[in-house]
Amino acid sequence: MSDYDHDQDPYDNDDDEKFYEETVYNEEYHIEQERELINQSCLDLELEELEERQIREMREEGLLGPVLIKPGESEPESEKESPLDHPAGETPF
């Protein structure tokens, strides 16, 4: 048997109207969505800062060598041609 309710009118708009009332027409819903986006952005920025601080500390401790980026490049040469980026058995020459 199917989960479909055969007695329900397929053109009944009660569910649609309920959805719109809970989301589209609901100012609190939009405010909560904005708060969630802001919180996620803050978490992303915090993570980025922690990663940068960890890299800086590793360099200071001598665990990570300095990386030079030429003007106009988005990532260092050493990261662009990493052998790990190529499938096994394929030589990156």
Protein backbone atom coordinates (compact mmCIF):
# COMPACT_ATOMS: atom_id res chain seq x y z
CA MET A 1 0.00 0.00 0.00
CA SER A 2 1.05 3.54 -0.65
CA ASP A 3 1.44 6.29 1.95
CA TYR A 4 -0.63 8.55 -0.27
CA ASP A 5 -3.98 9.52 1.25
CA HIS A 6 -6.54 8.90 -1.49
CA ASP A 7 -9.23 10.88 0.35
CA GLN A 8 -7.15 14.07 0.39
CA ASP A 9 -7.92 16.68 -2.25
CA PRO A 10 -4.68 17.13 -4.28
CA TYR A 11 -5.59 20.79 -4.78
CA ASP A 12 -6.02 21.49 -1.05
CA ASN A 13 -3.87 24.53 -0.28
CA ASP A 14 -3.97 24.24 3.52
CA ASP A 15 -0.47 22.73 3.65
CA ASP A 16 0.91 25.40 1.34
CA GLU A 17 -0.69 28.19 3.34
CA LYS A 18 0.66 26.72 6.58
CA PHE A 19 4.15 26.55 5.07
CA TYR A 20 3.99 30.19 3.94
CA GLU A 21 2.71 31.31 7.35
CA GLU A 22 5.55 29.50 9.10
CA THR A 23 8.29 30.69 6.73
CA VAL A 24 7.70 33.28 4.04
CA TYR A 25 5.28 35.50 5.96
CA ASN A 26 6.95 34.94 9.33
CA GLU A 27 9.39 37.71 10.29
CA GLU A 28 10.76 35.67 13.23
CA TYR A 29 11.67 32.86 10.84
CA HIS A 30 13.74 35.25 8.71
CA ILE A 31 15.38 36.78 11.78
CA GLU A 32 16.37 33.31 13.00
CA GLN A 33 17.76 32.41 9.56
CA GLU A 34 19.88 35.58 9.58
CA ARG A 35 21.14 34.79 13.10
CA GLU A 36 22.17 31.32 11.98
CA LEU A 37 24.05 32.74 8.98
CA ILE A 38 25.81 35.30 11.18
CA ASN A 39 26.75 32.63 13.73
CA GLN A 40 28.12 30.39 10.99
CA SER A 41 30.14 33.27 9.53
CA CYS A 42 31.56 34.06 12.97
CA LEU A 43 32.51 30.42 13.47
CA ASP A 44 34.18 30.33 10.05
CA LEU A 45 36.19 33.45 10.88
CA GLU A 46 37.17 32.08 14.28
CA LEU A 47 38.33 28.81 12.72
CA GLU A 48 40.36 30.70 10.12
CA GLU A 49 42.03 32.78 12.85
CA LEU A 50 42.84 29.64 14.87
CA GLU A 51 44.35 27.96 11.82
CA GLU A 52 46.47 31.02 11.04
CA ARG A 53 47.63 31.23 14.67
CA GLN A 54 48.53 27.53 14.67
CA ILE A 55 50.55 27.92 11.47
CA ARG A 56 52.30 30.99 12.88
CA GLU A 57 53.15 29.11 16.12
CA MET A 58 54.45 26.11 14.15
CA ARG A 59 56.70 28.42 12.12
CA GLU A 60 57.98 30.09 15.29
CA GLU A 61 58.80 26.67 16.75
CA GLY A 62 60.61 25.68 13.56
CA LEU A 63 58.15 22.92 12.75
CA LEU A 64 57.05 24.58 9.53
CA GLY A 65 59.27 26.45 7.08
CA PRO A 66 58.30 29.83 5.63
CA VAL A 67 56.21 29.84 2.47
CA LEU A 68 56.76 32.53 -0.13
CA ILE A 69 53.90 33.64 -2.33
CA LYS A 70 54.70 35.66 -5.42
CA PRO A 71 52.50 38.66 -6.21
CA GLY A 72 49.44 37.59 -8.18
CA GLU A 73 49.52 33.99 -6.93
CA SER A 74 46.81 32.58 -4.73
CA GLU A 75 48.81 29.69 -3.29
CA PRO A 76 52.50 28.80 -2.97
CA GLU A 77 54.25 26.78 -5.68
CA SER A 78 55.01 24.00 -3.20
CA GLU A 79 51.29 23.46 -2.61
CA LYS A 80 50.28 23.70 -6.29
CA GLU A 81 52.32 20.71 -7.48
CA SER A 82 52.04 18.44 -4.47
CA PRO A 83 52.55 14.75 -5.37
CA LEU A 84 49.58 13.99 -3.13
CA ASP A 85 47.29 15.74 -5.62
CA HIS A 86 48.00 13.16 -8.33
CA PRO A 87 46.49 9.65 -8.53
CA ALA A 88 48.68 6.71 -7.53
CA GLY A 89 50.93 5.48 -10.32
CA GLU A 90 50.92 8.80 -12.12
CA THR A 91 54.11 10.88 -12.06
CA PRO A 92 53.54 14.67 -11.79
CA PHE A 93 56.21 15.62 -14.39
